[in-house]
Amino acid sequence: MSDAHPASAPGEGRIVSGFGPPPAHSRYEPSPGAPWRQRAFVVIFEHDTPAGKAFDLVLMLAILTSVGVIMLDSVAAFAARHGRALQIAEWVFTGLFTVEYVLRLLSVRRPLRYATSFLGLIDLFAILPTYLGLLFPAGRYLLSIRILRVLRVFRVLKLARFVGEAAVLTRALRASRHKITVFLFTVLTIVVVVASLVYLIEGPEAGFTSIPRSMYWAIVTLTTVGYGDITPTSPFGQFLAALVMIMGYGIIAVPTGIVSVEIANATRDRDAPLACPGCGLGNHAGDATFCRRCGQVLPVDPAARDAARPRSQPENEGRA
């Protein structure tokens, strides 16, 4: 039996111009003004409707195409041949993103909250440099205009709203921060020890004029980058360099394993079935909004959803 929306009590939820009540997982609330604002809210902010999915697809294509125009504009030969077309395309995309930004502000209940949010600021930075470029005269301010044009690549960050897995990655990085801190401290200790040894072995004659400069060589060697601007010349120094390079291959794999384990744990917790806080019925889909037995609203806040999911016990507790 699928998770269905229960019948709303009088006054419960707001009807959004025939689209039904706003989904419980919506971060923003629709504007209580004209019906067209509420319809715009459903199309722009809700991604589970046909109109919302079509809007997201068109917006994504527009973002990718506009970033491609910016990249082509940085190629001197192409810009000299098609500069007029690139300029027209840039203003077309700027106009589209301006209309989108204004509609987002008009369709939410609290526009200032959206305008000061991360995605709201990215939306603003995506269009602001093009308009600021009009305020600078030609000539000596041309470099400033060029810098502003480079800043337009901020609009690629607008794609962050489509990356649903970003929350899983953020949770994994947050969970592994202590292990990564210990790992970085261990690497720093190895760098200091190796730098001190190579400074004593090689000395200033080979370019190792100080321990800090030797630390630069140790970091470059440990990360297997190997610029070659400083190299040990003695047999003992070359032997130490070989050991550090071999050690570097093993060290690179450590943070990868730490983060991979945490990503697997975060993904498992996210996909675990939800339990109803009212009747206790489990096995609800991860994106369910209402309990299929009693109609209770399932947790909306991510922390509450995590609390409603059964936690897997460690292996040693499972054997007990």
C-alpha atoms as a PDB file:
ATOM      1  CA  MET A   1       0.000   0.000   0.000  1.00  0.00           C
ATOM      2  CA  SER A   2       1.588   3.307  -1.008  1.00  0.00           C
ATOM      3  CA  ASP A   3       2.113   6.234   1.363  1.00  0.00           C
ATOM      4  CA  ALA A   4      -0.831   8.564   0.683  1.00  0.00           C
ATOM      5  CA  HIS A   5      -1.674  12.016   1.929  1.00  0.00           C
ATOM      6  CA  PRO A   6      -4.453  11.839   4.525  1.00  0.00           C
ATOM      7  CA  ALA A   7      -7.430  14.138   4.334  1.00  0.00           C
ATOM      8  CA  SER A   8      -6.511  17.559   5.681  1.00  0.00           C
ATOM      9  CA  ALA A   9      -8.468  18.934   8.594  1.00  0.00           C
ATOM     10  CA  PRO A  10     -10.021  22.372   8.268  1.00  0.00           C
ATOM     11  CA  GLY A  11      -7.273  24.960   8.322  1.00  0.00           C
ATOM     12  CA  GLU A  12      -4.565  22.327   8.080  1.00  0.00           C
ATOM     13  CA  GLY A  13      -2.100  23.164   5.310  1.00  0.00           C
ATOM     14  CA  ARG A  14      -2.493  25.800   2.640  1.00  0.00           C
ATOM     15  CA  ILE A  15      -3.877  25.023  -0.754  1.00  0.00           C
ATOM     16  CA  VAL A  16      -1.483  26.316  -3.396  1.00  0.00           C
ATOM     17  CA  SER A  17      -3.715  27.246  -6.299  1.00  0.00           C
ATOM     18  CA  GLY A  18      -5.037  23.777  -6.985  1.00  0.00           C
ATOM     19  CA  PHE A  19      -1.676  22.076  -6.554  1.00  0.00           C
ATOM     20  CA  GLY A  20      -2.542  20.797  -3.082  1.00  0.00           C
ATOM     21  CA  PRO A  21      -0.817  21.650   0.223  1.00  0.00           C
ATOM     22  CA  PRO A  22       2.908  22.411   0.056  1.00  0.00           C
ATOM     23  CA  PRO A  23       4.957  19.273   0.713  1.00  0.00           C
ATOM     24  CA  ALA A  24       6.119  18.896   4.282  1.00  0.00           C
ATOM     25  CA  HIS A  25       9.773  18.661   3.211  1.00  0.00           C
ATOM     26  CA  SER A  26       9.750  22.122   1.635  1.00  0.00           C
ATOM     27  CA  ARG A  27      12.360  24.382   3.157  1.00  0.00           C
ATOM     28  CA  TYR A  28      10.480  27.552   2.258  1.00  0.00           C
ATOM     29  CA  GLU A  29       6.795  28.496   2.441  1.00  0.00           C
ATOM     30  CA  PRO A  30       4.832  29.935  -0.481  1.00  0.00           C
ATOM     31  CA  SER A  31       3.878  33.570  -0.569  1.00  0.00           C
ATOM     32  CA  PRO A  32       0.333  34.219   0.688  1.00  0.00           C
ATOM     33  CA  GLY A  33      -0.187  36.821  -2.043  1.00  0.00           C
ATOM     34  CA  ALA A  34      -1.552  36.404  -5.554  1.00  0.00           C
ATOM     35  CA  PRO A  35      -2.272  32.879  -6.857  1.00  0.00           C
ATOM     36  CA  TRP A  36       0.368  33.218  -9.563  1.00  0.00           C
ATOM     37  CA  ARG A  37       2.999  33.558  -6.830  1.00  0.00           C
ATOM     38  CA  GLN A  38       1.868  30.298  -5.275  1.00  0.00           C
ATOM     39  CA  ARG A  39       1.923  28.565  -8.647  1.00  0.00           C
ATOM     40  CA  ALA A  40       5.427  29.930  -9.251  1.00  0.00           C
ATOM     41  CA  PHE A  41       6.482  28.576  -5.844  1.00  0.00           C
ATOM     42  CA  VAL A  42       5.349  25.068  -6.735  1.00  0.00           C
ATOM     43  CA  VAL A  43       7.150  25.168 -10.089  1.00  0.00           C
ATOM     44  CA  ILE A  44      10.380  26.703  -8.796  1.00  0.00           C
ATOM     45  CA  PHE A  45      10.864  25.248  -5.332  1.00  0.00           C
ATOM     46  CA  GLU A  46       9.104  21.869  -5.499  1.00  0.00           C
ATOM     47  CA  HIS A  47      10.971  19.225  -7.459  1.00  0.00           C
ATOM     48  CA  ASP A  48       8.473  16.362  -7.233  1.00  0.00           C
ATOM     49  CA  THR A  49       5.894  17.781  -9.680  1.00  0.00           C
ATOM     50  CA  PRO A  50       6.045  17.485 -13.483  1.00  0.00           C
ATOM     51  CA  ALA A  51       6.286  21.262 -13.820  1.00  0.00           C
ATOM     52  CA  GLY A  52       9.009  21.423 -11.176  1.00  0.00           C
ATOM     53  CA  LYS A  53      11.034  18.670 -12.819  1.00  0.00           C
ATOM     54  CA  ALA A  54      10.752  20.375 -16.208  1.00  0.00           C
ATOM     55  CA  PHE A  55      11.839  23.683 -14.660  1.00  0.00           C
ATOM     56  CA  ASP A  56      14.857  22.037 -13.005  1.00  0.00           C
ATOM     57  CA  LEU A  57      15.873  20.395 -16.290  1.00  0.00           C
ATOM     58  CA  VAL A  58      15.637  23.642 -18.255  1.00  0.00           C
ATOM     59  CA  LEU A  59      17.480  25.542 -15.529  1.00  0.00           C
ATOM     60  CA  MET A  60      20.269  22.982 -15.425  1.00  0.00           C
ATOM     61  CA  LEU A  61      20.722  23.131 -19.190  1.00  0.00           C
ATOM     62  CA  ALA A  62      20.772  26.945 -19.053  1.00  0.00           C
ATOM     63  CA  ILE A  63      23.430  26.939 -16.327  1.00  0.00           C
ATOM     64  CA  LEU A  64      25.675  24.495 -18.174  1.00  0.00           C
ATOM     65  CA  THR A  65      25.273  26.367 -21.449  1.00  0.00           C
ATOM     66  CA  SER A  66      25.999  29.736 -19.839  1.00  0.00           C
ATOM     67  CA  VAL A  67      29.149  28.389 -18.209  1.00  0.00           C
ATOM     68  CA  GLY A  68      30.189  27.044 -21.621  1.00  0.00           C
ATOM     69  CA  VAL A  69      29.699  30.530 -23.083  1.00  0.00           C
ATOM     70  CA  ILE A  70      31.946  31.972 -20.360  1.00  0.00           C
ATOM     71  CA  MET A  71      34.639  29.402 -21.135  1.00  0.00           C
ATOM     72  CA  LEU A  72      34.481  30.126 -24.871  1.00  0.00           C
ATOM     73  CA  ASP A  73      34.681  33.841 -24.142  1.00  0.00           C
ATOM     74  CA  SER A  74      38.048  33.254 -22.458  1.00  0.00           C
ATOM     75  CA  VAL A  75      39.492  31.753 -25.679  1.00  0.00           C
ATOM     76  CA  ALA A  76      40.976  34.764 -27.487  1.00  0.00           C
ATOM     77  CA  ALA A  77      40.716  33.370 -31.021  1.00  0.00           C
ATOM     78  CA  PHE A  78      37.099  32.235 -30.585  1.00  0.00           C
ATOM     79  CA  ALA A  79      36.070  35.463 -28.837  1.00  0.00           C
ATOM     80  CA  ALA A  80      37.582  37.556 -31.623  1.00  0.00           C
ATOM     81  CA  ARG A  81      35.576  35.666 -34.234  1.00  0.00           C
ATOM     82  CA  HIS A  82      32.281  35.282 -32.364  1.00  0.00           C
ATOM     83  CA  GLY A  83      32.489  38.058 -29.763  1.00  0.00           C
ATOM     84  CA  ARG A  84      29.161  39.609 -30.721  1.00  0.00           C
ATOM     85  CA  ALA A  85      27.292  36.308 -30.482  1.00  0.00           C
ATOM     86  CA  LEU A  86      28.919  35.504 -27.127  1.00  0.00           C
ATOM     87  CA  GLN A  87      27.932  38.914 -25.783  1.00  0.00           C
ATOM     88  CA  ILE A  88      24.322  38.473 -26.885  1.00  0.00           C
ATOM     89  CA  ALA A  89      24.201  34.978 -25.383  1.00  0.00           C
ATOM     90  CA  GLU A  90      25.636  36.283 -22.125  1.00  0.00           C
ATOM     91  CA  TRP A  91      22.963  38.954 -21.801  1.00  0.00           C
ATOM     92  CA  VAL A  92      20.234  36.458 -22.697  1.00  0.00           C
ATOM     93  CA  PHE A  93      21.355  34.116 -19.912  1.00  0.00           C
ATOM     94  CA  THR A  94      21.770  37.017 -17.507  1.00  0.00           C
ATOM     95  CA  GLY A  95      18.205  38.102 -18.267  1.00  0.00           C
ATOM     96  CA  LEU A  96      16.874  34.581 -17.727  1.00  0.00           C
ATOM     97  CA  PHE A  97      18.674  34.183 -14.417  1.00  0.00           C
ATOM     98  CA  THR A  98      17.500  37.639 -13.344  1.00  0.00           C
ATOM     99  CA  VAL A  99      13.866  36.689 -14.010  1.00  0.00           C
ATOM    100  CA  GLU A 100      14.396  33.434 -12.116  1.00  0.00           C
ATOM    101  CA  TYR A 101      15.946  35.248  -9.148  1.00  0.00           C
ATOM    102  CA  VAL A 102      13.109  37.786  -8.983  1.00  0.00           C
ATOM    103  CA  LEU A 103      10.469  35.032  -9.201  1.00  0.00           C
ATOM    104  CA  ARG A 104      12.140  33.172  -6.353  1.00  0.00           C
ATOM    105  CA  LEU A 105      11.985  36.266  -4.171  1.00  0.00           C
ATOM    106  CA  LEU A 106       8.358  36.990  -5.083  1.00  0.00           C
ATOM    107  CA  SER A 107       7.101  33.445  -4.579  1.00  0.00           C
ATOM    108  CA  VAL A 108       8.393  32.799  -1.041  1.00  0.00           C
ATOM    109  CA  ARG A 109       6.794  34.019   2.164  1.00  0.00           C
ATOM    110  CA  ARG A 110      10.052  35.498   3.527  1.00  0.00           C
ATOM    111  CA  PRO A 111      12.139  36.781   0.601  1.00  0.00           C
ATOM    112  CA  LEU A 112      14.938  38.053   2.834  1.00  0.00           C
ATOM    113  CA  ARG A 113      15.508  34.577   4.209  1.00  0.00           C
ATOM    114  CA  TYR A 114      16.046  33.212   0.745  1.00  0.00           C
ATOM    115  CA  ALA A 115      18.102  36.222  -0.401  1.00  0.00           C
ATOM    116  CA  THR A 116      20.549  35.745   2.489  1.00  0.00           C
ATOM    117  CA  SER A 117      20.768  31.956   2.141  1.00  0.00           C
ATOM    118  CA  PHE A 118      23.688  30.255   0.422  1.00  0.00           C
ATOM    119  CA  LEU A 119      21.782  29.490  -2.770  1.00  0.00           C
ATOM    120  CA  GLY A 120      20.209  32.945  -2.764  1.00  0.00           C
ATOM    121  CA  LEU A 121      23.621  34.606  -2.628  1.00  0.00           C
ATOM    122  CA  ILE A 122      24.873  32.343  -5.415  1.00  0.00           C
ATOM    123  CA  ASP A 123      21.870  33.356  -7.524  1.00  0.00           C
ATOM    124  CA  LEU A 124      22.760  37.000  -6.927  1.00  0.00           C
ATOM    125  CA  PHE A 125      26.470  36.562  -7.653  1.00  0.00           C
ATOM    126  CA  ALA A 126      25.599  34.760 -10.880  1.00  0.00           C
ATOM    127  CA  ILE A 127      24.008  37.881 -12.370  1.00  0.00           C
ATOM    128  CA  LEU A 128      25.615  40.766 -10.463  1.00  0.00           C
ATOM    129  CA  PRO A 129      29.012  40.890 -12.261  1.00  0.00           C
ATOM    130  CA  THR A 130      27.393  41.387 -15.673  1.00  0.00           C
ATOM    131  CA  TYR A 131      25.441  44.400 -14.431  1.00  0.00           C
ATOM    132  CA  LEU A 132      28.435  45.803 -12.536  1.00  0.00           C
ATOM    133  CA  GLY A 133      30.430  45.637 -15.755  1.00  0.00           C
ATOM    134  CA  LEU A 134      28.213  48.391 -17.150  1.00  0.00           C
ATOM    135  CA  LEU A 135      29.345  50.778 -14.422  1.00  0.00           C
ATOM    136  CA  PHE A 136      33.021  50.617 -15.380  1.00  0.00           C
ATOM    137  CA  PRO A 137      34.223  52.742 -18.298  1.00  0.00           C
ATOM    138  CA  ALA A 138      36.521  51.316 -20.932  1.00  0.00           C
ATOM    139  CA  GLY A 139      40.272  51.873 -20.910  1.00  0.00           C
ATOM    140  CA  ARG A 140      42.126  51.507 -17.653  1.00  0.00           C
ATOM    141  CA  TYR A 141      39.233  49.737 -15.957  1.00  0.00           C
ATOM    142  CA  LEU A 142      39.143  47.010 -18.592  1.00  0.00           C
ATOM    143  CA  LEU A 143      41.043  44.649 -16.295  1.00  0.00           C
ATOM    144  CA  SER A 144      38.442  45.147 -13.562  1.00  0.00           C
ATOM    145  CA  ILE A 145      35.678  44.296 -16.031  1.00  0.00           C
ATOM    146  CA  ARG A 146      37.593  41.187 -17.040  1.00  0.00           C
ATOM    147  CA  ILE A 147      37.855  40.117 -13.409  1.00  0.00           C
ATOM    148  CA  LEU A 148      34.114  40.642 -12.990  1.00  0.00           C
ATOM    149  CA  ARG A 149      33.475  38.509 -16.067  1.00  0.00           C
ATOM    150  CA  VAL A 150      35.550  35.711 -14.567  1.00  0.00           C
ATOM    151  CA  LEU A 151      33.407  35.921 -11.412  1.00  0.00           C
ATOM    152  CA  ARG A 152      30.393  34.854 -13.456  1.00  0.00           C
ATOM    153  CA  VAL A 153      31.520  31.240 -13.167  1.00  0.00           C
ATOM    154  CA  PHE A 154      29.876  31.406  -9.708  1.00  0.00           C
ATOM    155  CA  ARG A 155      26.649  30.489 -11.472  1.00  0.00           C
ATOM    156  CA  VAL A 156      27.925  26.911 -11.850  1.00  0.00           C
ATOM    157  CA  LEU A 157      27.450  26.656  -8.070  1.00  0.00           C
ATOM    158  CA  LYS A 158      23.712  27.010  -8.697  1.00  0.00           C
ATOM    159  CA  LEU A 159      23.880  23.346  -9.687  1.00  0.00           C
ATOM    160  CA  ALA A 160      24.365  22.601  -5.982  1.00  0.00           C
ATOM    161  CA  ARG A 161      20.574  22.640  -5.554  1.00  0.00           C
ATOM    162  CA  PHE A 162      20.392  19.511  -7.753  1.00  0.00           C
ATOM    163  CA  VAL A 163      23.076  17.557  -5.932  1.00  0.00           C
ATOM    164  CA  GLY A 164      21.042  15.636  -3.385  1.00  0.00           C
ATOM    165  CA  GLU A 165      23.991  13.500  -2.383  1.00  0.00           C
ATOM    166  CA  ALA A 166      25.868  16.534  -1.057  1.00  0.00           C
ATOM    167  CA  ALA A 167      24.206  16.018   2.338  1.00  0.00           C
ATOM    168  CA  VAL A 168      25.559  12.462   2.497  1.00  0.00           C
ATOM    169  CA  LEU A 169      29.069  13.649   1.671  1.00  0.00           C
ATOM    170  CA  THR A 170      28.869  16.469   4.220  1.00  0.00           C
ATOM    171  CA  ARG A 171      27.700  14.058   6.890  1.00  0.00           C
ATOM    172  CA  ALA A 172      30.524  11.656   6.063  1.00  0.00           C
ATOM    173  CA  LEU A 173      33.161  14.386   6.237  1.00  0.00           C
ATOM    174  CA  ARG A 174      31.759  15.629   9.541  1.00  0.00           C
ATOM    175  CA  ALA A 175      31.785  12.121  11.010  1.00  0.00           C
ATOM    176  CA  SER A 176      35.388  11.488   9.915  1.00  0.00           C
ATOM    177  CA  ARG A 177      36.821  14.856  10.980  1.00  0.00           C
ATOM    178  CA  HIS A 178      38.462  13.489  14.146  1.00  0.00           C
ATOM    179  CA  LYS A 179      40.137  10.619  12.305  1.00  0.00           C
ATOM    180  CA  ILE A 180      41.319  12.929   9.561  1.00  0.00           C
ATOM    181  CA  THR A 181      42.700  15.337  12.177  1.00  0.00           C
ATOM    182  CA  VAL A 182      44.721  12.533  13.756  1.00  0.00           C
ATOM    183  CA  PHE A 183      45.891  11.475  10.299  1.00  0.00           C
ATOM    184  CA  LEU A 184      47.033  15.008   9.414  1.00  0.00           C
ATOM    185  CA  PHE A 185      48.872  15.331  12.727  1.00  0.00           C
ATOM    186  CA  THR A 186      50.642  12.038  12.017  1.00  0.00           C
ATOM    187  CA  VAL A 187      51.633  13.222   8.551  1.00  0.00           C
ATOM    188  CA  LEU A 188      52.940  16.490   9.984  1.00  0.00           C
ATOM    189  CA  THR A 189      55.037  14.540  12.488  1.00  0.00           C
ATOM    190  CA  ILE A 190      56.513  12.405   9.710  1.00  0.00           C
ATOM    191  CA  VAL A 191      57.273  15.535   7.673  1.00  0.00           C
ATOM    192  CA  VAL A 192      59.138  17.164  10.558  1.00  0.00           C
ATOM    193  CA  VAL A 193      61.177  14.016  11.285  1.00  0.00           C
ATOM    194  CA  VAL A 194      62.059  13.440   7.630  1.00  0.00           C
ATOM    195  CA  ALA A 195      62.918  17.117   7.129  1.00  0.00           C
ATOM    196  CA  SER A 196      65.256  17.061  10.110  1.00  0.00           C
ATOM    197  CA  LEU A 197      66.988  13.907   8.868  1.00  0.00           C
ATOM    198  CA  VAL A 198      67.484  15.139   5.309  1.00  0.00           C
ATOM    199  CA  TYR A 199      68.771  18.473   6.631  1.00  0.00           C
ATOM    200  CA  LEU A 200      71.407  16.661   8.675  1.00  0.00           C
ATOM    201  CA  ILE A 201      72.304  14.281   5.832  1.00  0.00           C
ATOM    202  CA  GLU A 202      72.423  16.720   2.898  1.00  0.00           C
ATOM    203  CA  GLY A 203      73.038  20.137   4.416  1.00  0.00           C
ATOM    204  CA  PRO A 204      73.024  23.553   2.728  1.00  0.00           C
ATOM    205  CA  GLU A 205      75.343  22.370  -0.059  1.00  0.00           C
ATOM    206  CA  ALA A 206      72.517  20.366  -1.668  1.00  0.00           C
ATOM    207  CA  GLY A 207      69.934  23.138  -1.239  1.00  0.00           C
ATOM    208  CA  PHE A 208      68.570  22.079   2.152  1.00  0.00           C
ATOM    209  CA  THR A 209      69.421  25.377   3.811  1.00  0.00           C
ATOM    210  CA  SER A 210      67.027  25.024   6.751  1.00  0.00           C
ATOM    211  CA  ILE A 211      64.557  22.648   8.318  1.00  0.00           C
ATOM    212  CA  PRO A 212      61.535  24.601   7.013  1.00  0.00           C
ATOM    213  CA  ARG A 213      62.919  24.350   3.459  1.00  0.00           C
ATOM    214  CA  SER A 214      63.568  20.671   4.083  1.00  0.00           C
ATOM    215  CA  MET A 215      59.932  20.339   5.205  1.00  0.00           C
ATOM    216  CA  TYR A 216      58.877  21.679   1.802  1.00  0.00           C
ATOM    217  CA  TRP A 217      60.921  18.917   0.149  1.00  0.00           C
ATOM    218  CA  ALA A 218      59.471  16.306   2.539  1.00  0.00           C
ATOM    219  CA  ILE A 219      55.893  17.346   1.730  1.00  0.00           C
ATOM    220  CA  VAL A 220      56.547  17.318  -2.020  1.00  0.00           C
ATOM    221  CA  THR A 221      58.184  13.897  -1.778  1.00  0.00           C
ATOM    222  CA  LEU A 222      55.639  12.382   0.621  1.00  0.00           C
ATOM    223  CA  THR A 223      52.766  13.381  -1.654  1.00  0.00           C
ATOM    224  CA  THR A 224      54.686  11.852  -4.623  1.00  0.00           C
ATOM    225  CA  VAL A 225      54.581  15.185  -6.490  1.00  0.00           C
ATOM    226  CA  GLY A 226      58.341  15.488  -6.908  1.00  0.00           C
ATOM    227  CA  TYR A 227      59.010  18.950  -8.364  1.00  0.00           C
ATOM    228  CA  GLY A 228      62.743  18.267  -8.575  1.00  0.00           C
ATOM    229  CA  ASP A 229      63.858  21.767  -7.552  1.00  0.00           C
ATOM    230  CA  ILE A 230      65.561  20.269  -4.485  1.00  0.00           C
ATOM    231  CA  THR A 231      66.979  16.737  -4.619  1.00  0.00           C
ATOM    232  CA  PRO A 232      69.262  14.790  -2.309  1.00  0.00           C
ATOM    233  CA  THR A 233      72.619  13.857  -3.808  1.00  0.00           C
ATOM    234  CA  SER A 234      74.174  11.557  -1.206  1.00  0.00           C
ATOM    235  CA  PRO A 235      73.376   7.832  -1.105  1.00  0.00           C
ATOM    236  CA  PHE A 236      71.818   8.095   2.346  1.00  0.00           C
ATOM    237  CA  GLY A 237      69.693  11.048   1.259  1.00  0.00           C
ATOM    238  CA  GLN A 238      68.482   9.224  -1.846  1.00  0.00           C
ATOM    239  CA  PHE A 239      67.688   6.153   0.240  1.00  0.00           C
ATOM    240  CA  LEU A 240      65.640   8.312   2.616  1.00  0.00           C
ATOM    241  CA  ALA A 241      63.850   9.884  -0.359  1.00  0.00           C
ATOM    242  CA  ALA A 242      62.971   6.425  -1.708  1.00  0.00           C
ATOM    243  CA  LEU A 243      61.526   5.387   1.653  1.00  0.00           C
ATOM    244  CA  VAL A 244      59.455   8.586   1.854  1.00  0.00           C
ATOM    245  CA  MET A 245      58.067   8.091  -1.663  1.00  0.00           C
ATOM    246  CA  ILE A 246      57.068   4.497  -0.920  1.00  0.00           C
ATOM    247  CA  MET A 247      55.521   5.629   2.352  1.00  0.00           C
ATOM    248  CA  GLY A 248      53.601   8.292   0.460  1.00  0.00           C
ATOM    249  CA  TYR A 249      51.706   5.743  -1.625  1.00  0.00           C
ATOM    250  CA  GLY A 250      50.452   4.064   1.549  1.00  0.00           C
ATOM    251  CA  ILE A 251      49.557   7.331   3.250  1.00  0.00           C
ATOM    252  CA  ILE A 252      47.447   8.523   0.307  1.00  0.00           C
ATOM    253  CA  ALA A 253      45.100   5.565   0.766  1.00  0.00           C
ATOM    254  CA  VAL A 254      44.383   6.296   4.451  1.00  0.00           C
ATOM    255  CA  PRO A 255      41.994   9.296   4.145  1.00  0.00           C
ATOM    256  CA  THR A 256      40.297   7.654   1.175  1.00  0.00           C
ATOM    257  CA  GLY A 257      39.433   4.631   3.300  1.00  0.00           C
ATOM    258  CA  ILE A 258      38.270   6.753   6.235  1.00  0.00           C
ATOM    259  CA  VAL A 259      35.911   8.862   4.135  1.00  0.00           C
ATOM    260  CA  SER A 260      34.670   5.846   2.139  1.00  0.00           C
ATOM    261  CA  VAL A 261      33.610   4.038   5.314  1.00  0.00           C
ATOM    262  CA  GLU A 262      31.776   7.094   6.611  1.00  0.00           C
ATOM    263  CA  ILE A 263      30.030   7.597   3.246  1.00  0.00           C
ATOM    264  CA  ALA A 264      28.852   3.982   3.371  1.00  0.00           C
ATOM    265  CA  ASN A 265      27.551   4.489   6.921  1.00  0.00           C
ATOM    266  CA  ALA A 266      25.806   7.743   6.012  1.00  0.00           C
ATOM    267  CA  THR A 267      24.209   6.152   2.945  1.00  0.00           C
ATOM    268  CA  ARG A 268      22.995   3.164   4.972  1.00  0.00           C
ATOM    269  CA  ASP A 269      21.463   5.425   7.622  1.00  0.00           C
ATOM    270  CA  ARG A 270      19.802   7.578   4.969  1.00  0.00           C
ATOM    271  CA  ASP A 271      18.259   4.612   3.162  1.00  0.00           C
ATOM    272  CA  ALA A 272      17.073   2.923   6.348  1.00  0.00           C
ATOM    273  CA  PRO A 273      13.256   2.718   6.564  1.00  0.00           C
ATOM    274  CA  LEU A 274      11.488   5.364   8.632  1.00  0.00           C
ATOM    275  CA  ALA A 275       9.420   4.488  11.683  1.00  0.00           C
ATOM    276  CA  CYS A 276       6.217   6.354  12.460  1.00  0.00           C
ATOM    277  CA  PRO A 277       6.505   8.374  15.715  1.00  0.00           C
ATOM    278  CA  GLY A 278       2.773   7.842  16.338  1.00  0.00           C
ATOM    279  CA  CYS A 279       1.986   4.146  15.856  1.00  0.00           C
ATOM    280  CA  GLY A 280       5.539   2.846  15.469  1.00  0.00           C
ATOM    281  CA  LEU A 281       4.961   1.270  12.055  1.00  0.00           C
ATOM    282  CA  GLY A 282       8.245   0.902  10.207  1.00  0.00           C
ATOM    283  CA  ASN A 283       9.369   0.207   6.665  1.00  0.00           C
ATOM    284  CA  HIS A 284       8.317   3.578   5.263  1.00  0.00           C
ATOM    285  CA  ALA A 285      10.130   4.819   2.197  1.00  0.00           C
ATOM    286  CA  GLY A 286      12.929   7.315   2.773  1.00  0.00           C
ATOM    287  CA  ASP A 287      10.978  10.109   1.063  1.00  0.00           C
ATOM    288  CA  ALA A 288       7.592   9.285   2.649  1.00  0.00           C
ATOM    289  CA  THR A 289       5.686  12.193   4.176  1.00  0.00           C
ATOM    290  CA  PHE A 290       2.790  10.446   5.985  1.00  0.00           C
ATOM    291  CA  CYS A 291       2.388   7.139   7.802  1.00  0.00           C
ATOM    292  CA  ARG A 292       0.453   4.671   5.696  1.00  0.00           C
ATOM    293  CA  ARG A 293      -1.390   3.271   8.739  1.00  0.00           C
ATOM    294  CA  CYS A 294      -2.399   6.222  10.942  1.00  0.00           C
ATOM    295  CA  GLY A 295      -1.679   9.215   8.698  1.00  0.00           C
ATOM    296  CA  GLN A 296       0.794  10.740  11.174  1.00  0.00           C
ATOM    297  CA  VAL A 297       3.179  13.239   9.609  1.00  0.00           C
ATOM    298  CA  LEU A 298       6.633  11.695   9.451  1.00  0.00           C
ATOM    299  CA  PRO A 299       9.637  13.716  10.674  1.00  0.00           C
ATOM    300  CA  VAL A 300      10.699  16.495   8.316  1.00  0.00           C
ATOM    301  CA  ASP A 301      13.865  17.730   9.983  1.00  0.00           C
ATOM    302  CA  PRO A 302      16.920  15.649   8.940  1.00  0.00           C
ATOM    303  CA  ALA A 303      17.945  15.140  12.571  1.00  0.00           C
ATOM    304  CA  ALA A 304      14.457  13.925  13.457  1.00  0.00           C
ATOM    305  CA  ARG A 305      14.439  11.600  10.455  1.00  0.00           C
ATOM    306  CA  ASP A 306      17.749  10.149  11.585  1.00  0.00           C
ATOM    307  CA  ALA A 307      16.285   9.552  15.040  1.00  0.00           C
ATOM    308  CA  ALA A 308      13.297   7.755  13.495  1.00  0.00           C
ATOM    309  CA  ARG A 309      15.527   5.312  11.621  1.00  0.00           C
ATOM    310  CA  PRO A 310      16.724   2.113  13.306  1.00  0.00           C
ATOM    311  CA  ARG A 311      20.443   2.244  14.001  1.00  0.00           C
ATOM    312  CA  SER A 312      22.667  -0.662  13.086  1.00  0.00           C
ATOM    313  CA  GLN A 313      24.581  -2.016  16.073  1.00  0.00           C
ATOM    314  CA  PRO A 314      28.347  -2.518  15.997  1.00  0.00           C
ATOM    315  CA  GLU A 315      29.544  -6.012  15.224  1.00  0.00           C
ATOM    316  CA  ASN A 316      30.770  -6.693  18.775  1.00  0.00           C
ATOM    317  CA  GLU A 317      27.356  -5.739  20.191  1.00  0.00           C
ATOM    318  CA  GLY A 318      25.572  -7.887  17.646  1.00  0.00           C
ATOM    319  CA  ARG A 319      27.513 -10.967  18.764  1.00  0.00           C
ATOM    320  CA  ALA A 320      26.634 -10.420  22.418  1.00  0.00           C
END
